[in-house]
Structure formats: C-alpha cells, structure tokens
Protein backbone atom coordinates (compact mmCIF):
# COMPACT_ATOMS: atom_id res chain seq x y z
CA MET A 1 128.89 -89.84 125.73
CA LYS A 2 131.68 -89.69 128.31
CA LYS A 3 132.44 -86.26 129.79
CA LYS A 4 136.02 -85.13 129.34
CA HIS A 5 137.60 -83.59 132.42
CA SER A 6 139.63 -80.43 132.09
CA HIS A 7 143.32 -80.30 132.93
CA ASP A 8 142.52 -78.08 135.96
CA GLU A 9 139.97 -80.57 137.30
CA TRP A 10 142.48 -83.38 136.98
CA ASN A 11 145.20 -81.36 138.73
CA GLU A 12 142.83 -80.50 141.55
CA PHE A 13 141.97 -84.18 141.95
CA GLU A 14 145.62 -85.27 141.81
CA SER A 15 146.63 -82.62 144.39
CA ARG A 16 144.70 -84.58 147.02
CA PHE A 17 147.23 -87.43 146.93
CA ASP A 18 150.93 -87.77 147.66
CA ASP A 19 153.49 -89.41 145.35
CA ASN A 20 152.56 -92.85 146.70
CA GLY A 21 148.86 -92.41 145.96
CA HIS A 22 147.85 -91.89 149.60
CA TRP A 23 145.49 -89.16 150.75
CA ILE A 24 147.36 -86.03 151.82
CA LYS A 25 144.41 -85.11 154.04
CA VAL A 26 142.00 -87.97 154.61
CA PRO A 27 138.43 -86.86 153.86
CA LYS A 28 135.94 -86.83 156.68
CA GLY A 29 133.59 -89.74 156.87
CA PRO A 30 129.82 -89.29 157.04
CA GLU A 31 129.78 -89.95 160.80
CA SER A 32 132.32 -87.22 161.50
CA PHE A 33 130.52 -84.80 159.20
CA ALA A 34 127.19 -85.50 160.95
CA GLN A 35 128.74 -84.90 164.38
CA GLU A 36 130.18 -81.58 163.23
CA SER A 37 126.83 -80.54 161.78
CA GLU A 38 125.10 -81.43 165.05
CA GLY A 39 127.70 -79.44 166.95
CA MET A 40 127.23 -76.41 164.72
CA ASN A 41 123.45 -76.63 165.14
CA LEU A 42 123.87 -76.81 168.90
CA ILE A 43 126.16 -73.76 168.95
CA SER A 44 123.78 -71.88 166.67
CA ASN A 45 120.82 -72.69 168.93
CA CYS A 46 122.75 -71.57 172.01
CA LEU A 47 123.78 -68.33 170.30
CA GLU A 48 120.14 -67.59 169.48
CA LYS A 49 119.28 -67.87 173.19
CA LEU A 50 121.78 -65.18 174.21
CA PRO A 51 120.58 -61.63 174.86
CA SER A 52 121.09 -59.60 171.68
CA GLN A 53 123.97 -57.48 173.05
CA GLN A 54 125.88 -60.58 174.17
CA ARG A 55 125.21 -62.35 170.87
CA SER A 56 126.42 -59.32 168.90
CA ALA A 57 129.56 -58.91 171.01
CA PHE A 58 130.43 -62.60 170.68
CA THR A 59 129.75 -62.77 166.95
CA LEU A 60 131.66 -59.61 166.10
CA LYS A 61 134.67 -60.68 168.18
CA GLU A 62 134.87 -64.43 167.69
CA VAL A 63 133.32 -64.94 164.25
CA GLN A 64 134.09 -61.71 162.40
CA GLU A 65 137.35 -61.21 164.35
CA LEU A 66 136.92 -57.46 164.77
CA SER A 67 139.01 -55.58 167.33
CA GLY A 68 137.58 -54.49 170.65
CA HIS A 69 137.78 -50.86 169.55
CA GLU A 70 135.87 -51.57 166.33
CA ILE A 71 133.19 -53.53 168.16
CA SER A 72 132.73 -50.89 170.85
CA GLU A 73 132.21 -48.26 168.13
CA ILE A 74 129.73 -50.45 166.23
CA MET A 75 127.76 -51.36 169.35
CA GLY A 76 128.03 -47.95 171.03
CA VAL A 77 129.47 -49.36 174.26
CA SER A 78 132.72 -48.78 176.11
CA VAL A 79 135.58 -51.24 175.73
CA ASN A 80 135.11 -52.19 179.40
CA ASN A 81 131.40 -52.90 178.85
CA LEU A 82 132.30 -54.93 175.77
CA GLY A 83 134.58 -57.07 177.95
CA VAL A 84 131.70 -57.75 180.32
CA LEU A 85 129.35 -58.61 177.43
CA SER A 86 131.94 -60.98 175.93
CA PHE A 87 132.59 -62.68 179.27
CA ARG A 88 128.88 -63.17 179.91
CA ALA A 89 128.28 -64.42 176.36
CA LYS A 90 131.01 -67.06 176.73
CA ALA A 91 129.76 -68.09 180.18
CA ASN A 92 126.17 -68.41 178.93
CA LEU A 93 127.27 -70.33 175.83
CA ARG A 94 129.34 -72.71 177.97
CA GLU A 95 126.36 -73.29 180.28
CA CYS A 96 123.99 -73.89 177.35
CA LEU A 97 126.39 -76.34 175.69
CA GLU A 98 127.00 -78.20 178.95
CA LYS A 99 123.27 -78.57 179.54
CA ALA A 100 122.78 -79.87 176.01
CA ASN A 101 125.56 -82.44 176.46
CA ALA A 102 124.39 -83.59 179.91
C-alpha cells in the first residue's frame, strides 16, 4: 500500500524549489559532506588536545557564544586571564590544524 504524504510534508518538499523547479539551495553532495565531517573530526581532535582551561574558554566563547564576563565568572578567572586563555587556545588550535593539513 502506498503511503500518503501529509500536506505539511508536501509543502516542506516544495519549499526547496523556486517557481521554475530549480533548487533554492542546492543540497550538498556526498563528497562535500564527507569533507565537512573530516574537518569537524579534525577540529574536535585538536580541541581535545588543548589544556582544559583553554578548551573551556574557547568552547564557552566560540561555541556557546557567552560573553567574556559570563565566562570569567563560570571559570573563576579574570577577564584579562580569559583573554590570554582564548588567545592561546586559538594559537594552539591553528598550530594543530596546520600540522594535520601539512
């Protein structure tokens, strides 16, 4: 028996195309998706190698988008120290990523 699709499912499907039947946003191909997954794994591996304070500072600021004041309260460090931790985290991440891509 053929499954009937709901009106909402059809509208969601149709919303992916313009009036001429072309993709509004072309879906990613498997190659692109694989490259992004590899990149995310690489970043994750590099984050794991950071000292815990640097990893926390980076994650709270760049991933969770908390303010410097919020992060300094959570971590129990001064805003100036947080700046140093963030700078070092970014420098260490950059170095790790460059080594992995060499």
